[in-house]
């Protein structure tokens, strides 16, 4: 796929056919993106078993050695997916925090963001929910746990500000409890989506669910 080749056959009647256009080499970083896209695509198959590097290489039409020229290990490939999840989610979380002054609206947008991202990226959902990481390096699940800890911290900050504005007696404790419940709700929706073969959408009955969870 990455090799350049010319057509070996020539025609006396059509000498121009002797020279085929060389196959284009991927640009720097492009092959890495292709590998990650293929991995995410394989994870989108309902009921998919553990992804192997041999199956991933076959999907891309390259050798396993070609994969390892771009990633030191399969764990590093999964880390690439996790980095994409982190950057995609937290870039938007920060934008919401900066632009939305109303705490209730900020919370609603944050939860909706995570659930909609999962719905549009089923393969990534299996990583976020941990289902795709069961037989992989344990550091991957630890990193995904840190992702949800950071997400919970963002929720806690917004809830603490809201509680303080409302002159709550224990704003920090209240925020901690509510942030934990909201995070559990999001993670539960992702797990249900993944384990239902992507049939039970994360945004199912979203407005009613948000009203019940956020109050």
Protein backbone atom coordinates (compact mmCIF):
# COMPACT_ATOMS: atom_id res chain seq x y z
CA UNK A 1 0.00 0.00 0.00
CA UNK A 2 2.86 2.33 0.84
CA UNK A 3 5.14 1.00 -1.95
CA UNK A 4 5.54 2.74 -5.24
CA UNK A 5 5.26 0.52 -8.33
CA UNK A 6 5.15 0.78 -12.11
CA UNK A 7 3.22 -1.39 -14.54
CA UNK A 8 5.73 -4.00 -15.85
CA UNK A 9 3.79 -4.68 -19.05
CA UNK A 10 4.35 -2.61 -22.17
CA UNK A 11 2.39 -2.50 -25.40
CA UNK A 12 4.14 -1.84 -28.74
CA UNK A 13 0.93 -0.31 -30.11
CA UNK A 14 0.54 1.94 -27.10
CA UNK A 15 3.96 2.79 -25.65
CA UNK A 16 2.41 5.24 -23.20
CA UNK A 17 0.84 2.30 -21.40
CA UNK A 18 4.30 1.13 -20.43
CA UNK A 19 4.51 3.80 -17.80
CA UNK A 20 1.91 3.61 -15.10
CA UNK A 21 1.54 6.39 -12.58
CA UNK A 22 3.50 5.59 -9.41
CA UNK A 23 1.46 4.70 -6.37
CA UNK A 24 1.36 7.58 -3.98
CA UNK A 25 3.21 7.33 -0.68
CA UNK A 26 1.19 8.41 2.36
CA UNK A 27 2.19 11.79 3.75
CA UNK A 28 3.99 11.86 7.13
CA UNK A 29 1.51 10.86 9.80
CA UNK A 30 -1.10 9.77 7.27
CA UNK A 31 -0.41 6.06 7.72
CA UNK A 32 -0.80 6.43 11.49
CA UNK A 33 -4.21 7.99 10.95
CA UNK A 34 -5.18 5.18 8.57
CA UNK A 35 -4.18 2.58 11.14
CA UNK A 36 -6.22 4.27 13.88
CA UNK A 37 -9.22 4.64 11.56
CA UNK A 38 -9.02 0.95 10.67
CA UNK A 39 -8.78 -0.02 14.34
CA UNK A 40 -11.80 2.12 15.21
CA UNK A 41 -13.67 0.61 12.26
CA UNK A 42 -12.99 -2.93 13.46
CA UNK A 43 -14.22 -2.00 16.93
CA UNK A 44 -17.49 -0.79 15.39
CA UNK A 45 -18.47 -4.33 14.44
CA UNK A 46 -21.17 -5.50 16.91
CA UNK A 47 -19.93 -8.44 18.92
CA UNK A 48 -16.38 -7.96 17.63
CA UNK A 49 -13.80 -10.17 19.28
CA UNK A 50 -10.42 -8.93 20.46
CA UNK A 51 -8.70 -7.10 17.62
CA UNK A 52 -5.40 -8.67 16.60
CA UNK A 53 -2.59 -6.94 14.76
CA UNK A 54 -2.72 -9.61 12.05
CA UNK A 55 -6.41 -8.86 11.39
CA UNK A 56 -5.72 -5.13 11.47
CA UNK A 57 -2.85 -5.51 9.00
CA UNK A 58 -5.05 -7.63 6.72
CA UNK A 59 -7.76 -4.97 6.78
CA UNK A 60 -5.22 -2.37 5.66
CA UNK A 61 -3.55 -4.67 3.14
CA UNK A 62 -0.13 -4.34 4.75
CA UNK A 63 2.17 -6.53 6.83
CA UNK A 64 2.22 -6.53 10.61
CA UNK A 65 5.76 -5.17 10.36
CA UNK A 66 4.34 -2.15 8.55
CA UNK A 67 2.10 -1.45 11.55
CA UNK A 68 5.05 -1.56 13.92
CA UNK A 69 6.92 1.00 11.86
CA UNK A 70 4.34 3.51 13.10
CA UNK A 71 3.39 2.13 16.52
CA UNK A 72 5.66 0.30 18.94
CA UNK A 73 2.82 -1.93 20.12
CA UNK A 74 -0.91 -2.52 19.86
CA UNK A 75 -1.28 -0.76 23.21
CA UNK A 76 0.21 2.33 21.60
CA UNK A 77 -2.43 2.11 18.86
CA UNK A 78 -5.17 2.11 21.50
CA UNK A 79 -3.44 5.05 23.18
CA UNK A 80 -3.77 6.87 19.88
CA UNK A 81 -7.53 6.34 19.99
CA UNK A 82 -7.68 7.48 23.61
CA UNK A 83 -5.73 10.63 22.73
CA UNK A 84 -8.27 11.37 20.00
CA UNK A 85 -11.12 10.90 22.49
CA UNK A 86 -9.44 13.13 25.08
CA UNK A 87 -8.66 15.92 22.63
CA UNK A 88 -12.08 15.82 20.99
CA UNK A 89 -14.04 15.87 24.23
CA UNK A 90 -11.99 18.21 26.38
CA UNK A 91 -11.46 20.80 23.65
CA UNK A 92 -15.24 21.17 23.51
CA UNK A 93 -15.67 20.90 27.30
CA UNK A 94 -13.32 23.86 27.71
CA UNK A 95 -15.19 25.83 25.07
CA UNK A 96 -18.49 25.18 26.83
CA UNK A 97 -16.99 26.30 30.17
CA UNK A 98 -15.69 29.52 28.61
CA UNK A 99 -18.78 30.44 26.62
CA UNK A 100 -21.70 29.28 28.78
CA UNK A 101 -22.25 31.30 31.95
CA UNK A 102 -25.49 29.57 33.00
CA UNK A 103 -24.48 26.56 35.09
CA UNK A 104 -27.53 24.41 34.31
CA UNK A 105 -27.09 24.94 30.58
CA UNK A 106 -23.36 24.21 30.83
CA UNK A 107 -24.06 20.89 32.55
CA UNK A 108 -26.66 19.90 29.98
CA UNK A 109 -24.34 20.72 27.10
CA UNK A 110 -21.43 18.82 28.64
CA UNK A 111 -23.42 15.62 29.18
CA UNK A 112 -25.02 15.90 25.73
CA UNK A 113 -21.58 16.38 24.17
CA UNK A 114 -20.22 13.14 25.62
CA UNK A 115 -23.27 11.08 24.69
CA UNK A 116 -23.47 12.46 21.15
CA UNK A 117 -19.75 11.87 20.61
CA UNK A 118 -20.22 8.25 21.66
CA UNK A 119 -23.23 7.80 19.40
CA UNK A 120 -21.31 9.09 16.38
CA UNK A 121 -18.21 7.00 17.19
CA UNK A 122 -19.31 3.47 18.17
CA UNK A 123 -15.78 2.07 18.00
CA UNK A 124 -14.53 4.79 20.34
CA UNK A 125 -17.43 4.01 22.68
CA UNK A 126 -16.12 0.48 23.17
CA UNK A 127 -12.82 2.01 24.27
CA UNK A 128 -14.50 4.58 26.55
CA UNK A 129 -16.70 1.91 28.15
CA UNK A 130 -13.68 -0.35 28.62
CA UNK A 131 -15.14 -3.28 26.67
CA UNK A 132 -12.39 -3.11 24.03
CA UNK A 133 -9.68 -2.95 26.70
CA UNK A 134 -10.49 -6.08 28.69
CA UNK A 135 -7.62 -8.17 27.31
CA UNK A 136 -5.27 -5.28 26.58
CA UNK A 137 -2.55 -3.60 28.63
CA UNK A 138 -3.98 -2.50 31.97
CA UNK A 139 -2.49 0.98 31.60
CA UNK A 140 -5.09 1.65 28.89
CA UNK A 141 -7.98 1.14 31.30
CA UNK A 142 -6.17 3.29 33.86
CA UNK A 143 -5.91 6.07 31.31
CA UNK A 144 -9.60 5.76 30.47
CA UNK A 145 -10.37 5.94 34.19
CA UNK A 146 -8.37 9.16 34.34
CA UNK A 147 -10.45 10.50 31.46
CA UNK A 148 -13.66 10.02 33.45
CA UNK A 149 -12.02 11.41 36.60
CA UNK A 150 -11.16 14.56 34.67
CA UNK A 151 -14.67 14.72 33.24
CA UNK A 152 -16.11 14.34 36.74
CA UNK A 153 -13.83 17.13 37.95
CA UNK A 154 -15.23 19.43 35.24
CA UNK A 155 -18.75 18.59 36.35
CA UNK A 156 -17.82 19.11 40.00
CA UNK A 157 -16.41 22.56 39.28
CA UNK A 158 -19.61 23.68 37.55
CA UNK A 159 -21.81 22.17 40.26
CA UNK A 160 -19.75 23.79 43.02
CA UNK A 161 -20.12 27.19 41.38
CA UNK A 162 -23.86 26.64 41.01
CA UNK A 163 -24.25 25.53 44.63
CA UNK A 164 -22.22 28.49 45.89
CA UNK A 165 -24.35 30.88 43.84
CA UNK A 166 -27.43 29.36 45.45
CA UNK A 167 -25.88 29.79 48.91
CA UNK A 168 -25.92 26.04 49.59
CA UNK A 169 -24.77 25.00 53.05
CA UNK A 170 -22.30 22.38 51.73
CA UNK A 171 -21.53 23.32 48.11
CA UNK A 172 -18.41 21.15 47.82
CA UNK A 173 -20.05 18.00 49.18
CA UNK A 174 -23.20 18.54 47.13
CA UNK A 175 -21.13 19.05 43.99
CA UNK A 176 -19.07 15.94 44.61
CA UNK A 177 -22.13 13.72 45.05
CA UNK A 178 -23.98 15.07 42.02
CA UNK A 179 -20.90 14.94 39.78
CA UNK A 180 -20.41 11.29 40.71
CA UNK A 181 -24.03 10.45 39.85
CA UNK A 182 -23.90 12.27 36.50
CA UNK A 183 -20.62 10.58 35.56
CA UNK A 184 -22.08 7.19 36.42
CA UNK A 185 -25.10 7.98 34.23
CA UNK A 186 -22.89 8.82 31.24
CA UNK A 187 -20.70 5.76 31.68
CA UNK A 188 -23.79 3.57 32.05
CA UNK A 189 -25.20 4.90 28.78
CA UNK A 190 -21.91 4.18 27.00
CA UNK A 191 -21.73 0.63 28.38
CA UNK A 192 -25.32 -0.07 27.40
CA UNK A 193 -24.68 1.24 23.88
CA UNK A 194 -21.59 -0.93 23.50
CA UNK A 195 -23.06 -4.09 25.02
CA UNK A 196 -26.33 -3.86 23.10
CA UNK A 197 -24.43 -4.11 19.84
CA UNK A 198 -24.99 -0.35 19.37
CA UNK A 199 -28.78 -0.74 19.38
CA UNK A 200 -29.53 1.22 22.59
CA UNK A 201 -28.45 4.74 21.68
CA UNK A 202 -26.76 6.91 24.34
CA UNK A 203 -29.12 9.78 23.52
CA UNK A 204 -32.27 7.67 23.92
CA UNK A 205 -34.96 9.77 25.66
CA UNK A 206 -32.22 12.33 26.24
CA UNK A 207 -34.29 15.31 27.36
CA UNK A 208 -36.33 13.32 29.87
CA UNK A 209 -33.18 11.60 31.12
CA UNK A 210 -31.31 14.87 31.58
CA UNK A 211 -34.26 16.32 33.46
CA UNK A 212 -34.20 13.35 35.84
CA UNK A 213 -30.42 13.27 36.33
CA UNK A 214 -29.64 16.99 36.37
CA UNK A 215 -32.80 18.11 38.13
